[in-house]
Protein backbone atom coordinates (compact mmCIF):
# COMPACT_ATOMS: atom_id res chain seq x y z
CA MET A 1 2.09 17.47 -6.37
CA ALA A 2 5.66 18.77 -6.61
CA LYS A 3 8.14 16.32 -8.02
CA ASP A 4 10.53 14.81 -5.48
CA PRO A 5 14.07 15.24 -6.88
CA TRP A 6 15.33 12.45 -4.62
CA HIS A 7 12.80 9.90 -5.87
CA TYR A 8 14.31 7.29 -8.17
CA PRO A 9 11.58 6.57 -10.75
CA ARG A 10 10.91 2.93 -11.62
CA THR A 11 8.64 3.59 -14.57
CA ALA A 12 9.56 0.44 -16.49
CA LEU A 13 8.77 -1.75 -13.48
CA ALA A 14 5.39 -0.06 -12.99
CA ASP A 15 4.55 -0.54 -16.67
CA GLN A 16 5.60 -4.20 -16.42
CA TYR A 17 3.22 -4.85 -13.52
CA LEU A 18 0.35 -3.08 -15.26
CA LYS A 19 0.99 -5.10 -18.42
CA THR A 20 1.00 -8.33 -16.40
CA LEU A 21 -2.37 -7.46 -14.87
CA GLY A 22 -3.75 -6.23 -18.18
CA ILE A 23 -3.02 -9.49 -19.98
CA GLY A 24 -5.65 -11.10 -17.78
CA LEU A 25 -3.81 -14.20 -16.62
CA GLY A 26 -3.99 -13.01 -13.01
CA LYS A 27 -6.25 -10.74 -11.01
CA SER A 28 -3.61 -9.58 -8.54
CA LEU A 29 0.06 -9.48 -7.58
CA VAL A 30 1.79 -9.69 -4.20
CA LEU A 31 5.12 -7.87 -3.91
CA PHE A 32 7.32 -9.04 -1.06
CA ALA A 33 10.29 -7.25 0.49
CA GLN A 34 11.40 -6.30 3.98
CA ARG A 35 10.38 -2.89 5.28
CA ARG A 36 12.29 0.21 4.13
CA MET A 37 13.03 -1.31 0.72
CA GLY A 38 10.96 1.27 -1.18
CA LYS A 39 7.68 -0.57 -1.75
CA THR A 40 5.47 2.25 -0.50
CA GLU A 41 7.33 4.91 -2.47
CA PHE A 42 7.06 2.74 -5.58
CA LEU A 43 3.31 2.25 -5.16
CA ARG A 44 2.58 5.91 -4.51
CA LYS A 45 5.03 7.60 -6.87
CA ASP A 46 5.40 5.09 -9.71
CA LEU A 47 2.63 2.50 -9.94
CA LEU A 48 -0.28 4.73 -8.89
CA PRO A 49 0.45 7.56 -11.39
CA ALA A 50 1.21 5.02 -14.14
CA ALA A 51 -2.14 3.35 -13.50
CA GLU A 52 -3.98 6.67 -13.55
CA LYS A 53 -2.24 7.57 -16.81
CA ALA A 54 -3.40 4.23 -18.21
CA GLY A 55 -7.01 5.08 -17.29
CA TYR A 56 -7.45 3.18 -14.03
CA ILE A 57 -9.48 4.34 -11.08
CA THR A 58 -6.93 3.97 -8.28
CA ILE A 59 -7.35 3.14 -4.60
CA TYR A 60 -4.31 3.26 -2.33
CA VAL A 61 -4.35 2.13 1.30
CA SER A 62 -1.45 1.72 3.74
CA LEU A 63 -2.48 -0.78 6.40
CA TRP A 64 0.79 -0.29 8.28
CA GLU A 65 -0.07 3.35 8.91
CA SER A 66 -3.54 2.34 10.10
CA ARG A 67 -2.69 -0.90 11.88
CA GLU A 68 -4.99 -0.18 14.82
CA ASP A 69 -8.04 -0.48 12.57
CA PRO A 70 -7.00 -1.66 9.07
CA LYS A 71 -10.47 -3.01 8.26
CA SER A 72 -12.25 0.33 8.55
CA VAL A 73 -9.55 2.18 6.62
CA LEU A 74 -9.68 -0.30 3.74
CA LEU A 75 -13.46 -0.27 3.58
CA ASP A 76 -13.59 3.52 3.69
CA ALA A 77 -11.11 3.83 0.82
CA ILE A 78 -13.13 1.45 -1.35
CA ARG A 79 -16.35 3.29 -0.46
CA LYS A 80 -14.90 6.66 -1.44
CA ALA A 81 -13.76 5.32 -4.80
CA ALA A 82 -17.12 3.67 -5.49
CA GLU A 83 -19.42 6.45 -4.34
CA GLY A 84 -17.37 9.54 -4.98
CA GLU A 85 -17.73 12.84 -3.20
CA GLY A 86 -21.21 14.08 -2.39
CA ILE A 87 -22.85 10.65 -2.45
CA ILE A 88 -24.78 9.42 0.58
CA PRO A 89 -22.63 6.88 2.46
CA GLY A 90 -23.72 3.26 2.66
CA ILE A 91 -24.69 3.51 6.32
CA TRP A 92 -27.51 5.94 5.51
CA ARG A 93 -28.72 3.76 2.63
CA ARG A 94 -28.88 0.85 5.04
CA LEU A 95 -30.66 2.90 7.71
CA GLY A 96 -33.24 3.84 5.10
CA ARG A 97 -34.06 0.25 4.20
CA PRO A 98 -37.52 -0.92 5.28
CA GLY A 99 -37.30 -2.86 8.52
CA SER A 100 -33.69 -1.86 9.08
CA LYS A 101 -32.42 -2.28 12.62
CA GLY A 102 -31.91 0.95 14.47
CA VAL A 103 -34.59 2.85 12.56
CA ARG A 104 -37.01 3.54 15.37
CA ALA A 105 -36.82 7.29 15.36
CA ASN A 106 -34.33 9.99 14.61
CA ALA A 107 -32.49 9.20 17.85
CA GLY A 108 -32.24 5.58 16.75
CA ALA A 109 -30.66 6.59 13.46
CA ILE A 110 -28.12 8.77 15.23
CA SER A 111 -27.30 5.92 17.60
CA ALA A 112 -26.83 3.53 14.68
CA GLN A 113 -24.49 5.98 12.95
CA ALA A 114 -22.45 6.31 16.14
CA SER A 115 -22.18 2.53 16.37
CA TRP A 116 -20.94 2.38 12.80
CA GLU A 117 -18.31 5.01 13.45
CA ARG A 118 -17.07 3.09 16.49
CA GLY A 119 -16.73 -0.01 14.36
CA THR A 120 -19.45 -1.95 16.22
CA ALA A 121 -21.90 -2.33 13.34
CA GLU A 122 -22.71 -5.88 12.35
CA ALA A 123 -20.02 -7.52 10.22
CA SER A 124 -22.59 -8.86 7.78
CA ASP A 125 -23.78 -5.34 7.00
CA ARG A 126 -20.23 -4.16 6.39
CA MET A 127 -19.55 -7.05 4.03
CA LEU A 128 -22.81 -6.32 2.22
CA ASP A 129 -21.63 -2.76 1.71
CA LEU A 130 -18.26 -4.02 0.44
CA ARG A 131 -19.99 -6.17 -2.18
CA GLN A 132 -22.14 -3.22 -3.24
CA TRP A 133 -19.15 -0.90 -3.55
CA MET A 134 -17.19 -3.45 -5.59
CA ASN A 135 -20.23 -3.97 -7.82
CA THR A 136 -20.39 -0.21 -8.35
CA LEU A 137 -16.70 -0.05 -9.25
CA ALA A 138 -17.07 -2.94 -11.69
CA GLN A 139 -19.86 -1.10 -13.50
CA LYS A 140 -17.78 2.00 -14.10
CA LYS A 141 -16.39 2.69 -17.55
CA ASN A 142 -12.75 2.60 -16.42
CA PRO A 143 -11.11 -0.35 -14.64
CA THR A 144 -10.01 -0.10 -11.02
CA LEU A 145 -6.61 -0.83 -9.46
CA LEU A 146 -6.64 -1.50 -5.71
CA LEU A 147 -3.23 -0.95 -4.07
CA VAL A 148 -2.99 -2.33 -0.52
CA ASP A 149 0.30 -1.74 1.27
CA GLU A 150 1.33 -4.24 3.99
CA ILE A 151 -1.57 -6.62 3.38
CA GLN A 152 -0.29 -8.98 6.11
CA MET A 153 -1.93 -6.65 8.65
CA LEU A 154 -5.11 -8.62 7.77
CA ALA A 155 -3.51 -12.01 8.44
CA ASP A 156 -5.44 -12.51 11.70
CA GLU A 157 -8.18 -14.75 10.34
CA LYS A 158 -10.30 -14.52 13.49
CA ARG A 159 -10.49 -10.71 13.25
CA TYR A 160 -10.33 -10.16 9.51
CA GLY A 161 -11.24 -13.47 7.87
CA ALA A 162 -14.71 -12.31 6.86
CA LEU A 163 -13.33 -9.16 5.25
CA VAL A 164 -10.62 -11.03 3.33
CA ALA A 165 -13.13 -13.65 2.17
CA ALA A 166 -15.55 -10.97 0.95
CA LEU A 167 -12.72 -9.11 -0.78
CA ARG A 168 -11.56 -12.26 -2.54
CA SER A 169 -15.10 -13.10 -3.62
CA ALA A 170 -15.52 -9.62 -5.11
CA LEU A 171 -12.16 -9.73 -6.88
CA ASP A 172 -12.96 -13.20 -8.26
CA LYS A 173 -16.30 -11.95 -9.53
CA HIS A 174 -15.02 -8.71 -11.03
CA GLY A 175 -11.48 -9.74 -11.95
CA ASP A 176 -11.79 -8.40 -15.49
CA GLN A 177 -12.59 -4.90 -14.20
CA ILE A 178 -10.92 -4.71 -10.76
CA LYS A 179 -7.25 -5.60 -10.32
CA ALA A 180 -5.20 -5.58 -7.11
CA VAL A 181 -1.59 -5.20 -6.08
CA PHE A 182 -0.67 -6.13 -2.52
CA THR A 183 2.64 -5.59 -0.76
CA GLY A 184 3.96 -7.34 2.30
CA SER A 185 7.04 -7.23 4.50
CA SER A 186 6.33 -10.32 6.61
CA SER A 187 6.98 -13.64 4.91
CA GLU A 188 5.09 -15.43 7.69
CA GLY A 189 2.12 -13.08 7.42
CA LEU A 190 1.95 -13.55 3.65
CA ARG A 191 2.28 -17.31 4.06
CA GLN A 192 -0.70 -17.35 6.42
CA MET A 193 -2.77 -15.31 3.97
CA PHE A 194 -1.84 -16.84 0.60
CA GLN A 195 -0.38 -20.30 1.27
CA LYS A 196 -2.38 -21.62 4.21
CA GLU A 197 -4.90 -24.03 2.70
CA LYS A 198 -7.96 -22.80 4.62
CA ALA A 199 -7.14 -19.09 4.34
CA PRO A 200 -9.57 -16.98 2.24
CA PHE A 201 -6.74 -15.80 -0.06
CA PHE A 202 -5.27 -19.32 -0.52
CA GLN A 203 -3.50 -19.48 -3.92
CA PHE A 204 -5.33 -16.33 -4.99
CA SER A 205 -2.36 -14.21 -6.01
CA HIS A 206 1.03 -14.64 -7.61
CA GLN A 207 3.72 -13.65 -5.11
CA ILE A 208 6.90 -12.13 -6.53
CA PRO A 209 9.95 -10.61 -4.82
CA PHE A 210 10.16 -6.84 -5.10
CA PRO A 211 13.39 -6.14 -7.02
CA GLN A 212 16.27 -4.56 -5.14
CA LEU A 213 17.75 -1.30 -6.33
CA GLY A 214 21.17 -1.25 -7.96
CA PRO A 215 23.89 1.16 -9.12
CA GLU A 216 21.42 3.27 -11.10
CA PHE A 217 19.71 4.24 -7.85
CA VAL A 218 23.02 5.39 -6.35
CA GLN A 219 23.84 7.37 -9.48
CA HIS A 220 20.47 9.09 -9.32
CA MET A 221 21.01 10.01 -5.67
CA LEU A 222 24.44 11.43 -6.44
CA ARG A 223 22.96 13.61 -9.18
CA ALA A 224 20.27 14.84 -6.77
CA PHE A 225 22.95 15.56 -4.16
CA ALA A 226 25.04 17.52 -6.68
CA ASN A 227 22.00 19.54 -7.80
CA ALA A 228 21.09 20.35 -4.20
CA THR A 229 24.58 21.19 -2.91
CA GLN A 230 26.80 21.82 -5.97
CA ARG A 231 29.16 19.24 -4.48
CA GLN A 232 30.25 15.94 -5.99
CA LEU A 233 30.51 12.57 -4.24
CA ASN A 234 32.65 9.61 -5.21
CA GLU A 235 30.44 7.04 -6.94
CA ALA A 236 32.50 4.01 -5.93
CA GLU A 237 32.45 5.05 -2.26
CA ALA A 238 28.72 5.73 -2.45
CA TRP A 239 28.02 2.32 -3.99
CA GLN A 240 30.10 0.63 -1.30
CA ALA A 241 28.14 2.51 1.36
CA PHE A 242 24.85 1.37 -0.18
CA THR A 243 26.15 -2.20 -0.15
CA ASP A 244 27.21 -1.84 3.50
CA LEU A 245 23.69 -0.68 4.27
CA ALA A 246 22.34 -3.98 2.84
CA LEU A 247 20.93 -2.18 -0.23
CA VAL A 248 18.24 -0.58 1.93
CA PRO A 249 17.26 2.64 0.08
CA GLU A 250 15.70 4.34 3.10
CA HIS A 251 18.95 4.02 5.06
CA PHE A 252 21.01 5.31 2.14
CA ARG A 253 18.64 8.24 1.72
CA LEU A 254 19.03 9.04 5.43
CA MET A 255 22.81 9.07 4.99
CA MET A 256 22.51 11.48 2.08
CA ALA A 257 20.11 13.74 3.99
CA ASN A 258 22.54 13.94 6.91
CA MET A 259 25.36 14.91 4.55
CA VAL A 260 23.24 17.65 2.98
CA GLN A 261 22.28 19.00 6.39
CA LEU A 262 25.89 19.02 7.67
CA GLY A 263 27.40 20.30 4.45
CA SER A 264 29.62 17.22 4.32
CA THR A 265 31.08 15.03 1.56
CA ASP A 266 32.61 12.52 3.97
CA ILE A 267 30.76 9.32 3.04
CA ALA A 268 32.69 7.11 5.49
CA THR A 269 31.76 9.24 8.51
CA ALA A 270 28.14 9.62 7.39
CA LEU A 271 27.89 5.85 6.88
CA GLU A 272 29.08 5.11 10.41
CA GLU A 273 26.62 7.60 11.86
CA VAL A 274 23.73 5.98 10.03
CA LYS A 275 24.83 2.52 11.14
CA MET A 276 24.84 3.73 14.75
CA ALA A 277 21.36 5.19 14.31
CA ILE A 278 20.12 1.89 12.85
CA GLN A 279 21.62 -0.02 15.77
CA GLU A 280 20.03 2.30 18.31
CA SER A 281 16.67 1.95 16.57
CA ALA A 282 16.97 -1.85 16.68
CA GLU A 283 17.78 -1.77 20.40
CA TYR A 284 14.96 0.64 21.24
CA PRO A 285 12.13 -0.10 18.80
CA SER A 286 9.12 2.18 18.75
């Protein structure tokens, strides 16, 4: 993968989180920050490669991008990591079990597979597969790091309670070999998952605020801008603009992208244009 010159690396923070998990005092971490604060970019471009370098098997899932069916996406990611390419999926193992439902004839097997793909297979079977996949991961030579972005998408206990309970049970059982990092942008969603007394994840993970970016981020962006355009920007003006944008890196990056596209060095004008775009987005949400 080509290196992104605009990405501000947070290597020390990634190493800190890995060290915290490696010490063994906790099985998981929950990183909280509002959306557009750089959590996803950090997971994918800092924490994931740092974990792979440290020898972890890594699993990354964005539940926000798959919010229509987060359960299936999470289960499929865990299955792929456990079984690897070229291994018969769990559905066929289950269909091959003696006395398995749906094994009447070849047509029955095809029908059962179709049901699985539509997400209508029995929940107990899916949780059984999850336990098997986690057992497989725990038996591997290298440890596993599960990265789940926007975990609050599973806060609906009626729809996802069984999945969350099975996931917690597996992480409790295999905590020495399987670690997890969750991110969330909804304080209420995280409260329902980790602080509600009857929730499956109650007091399971240590929740910490995701650190905001500071002047070093702005300096990095100015260097990237200069390398891309051979033009210099005023650092004090750029820092003030980042502050005016509530220290939201995605908004600042949008401002910089607009300036590159227009061939401009006018930070004040670019800032106002981004503010207007943010306002319009707030008034007409997707």
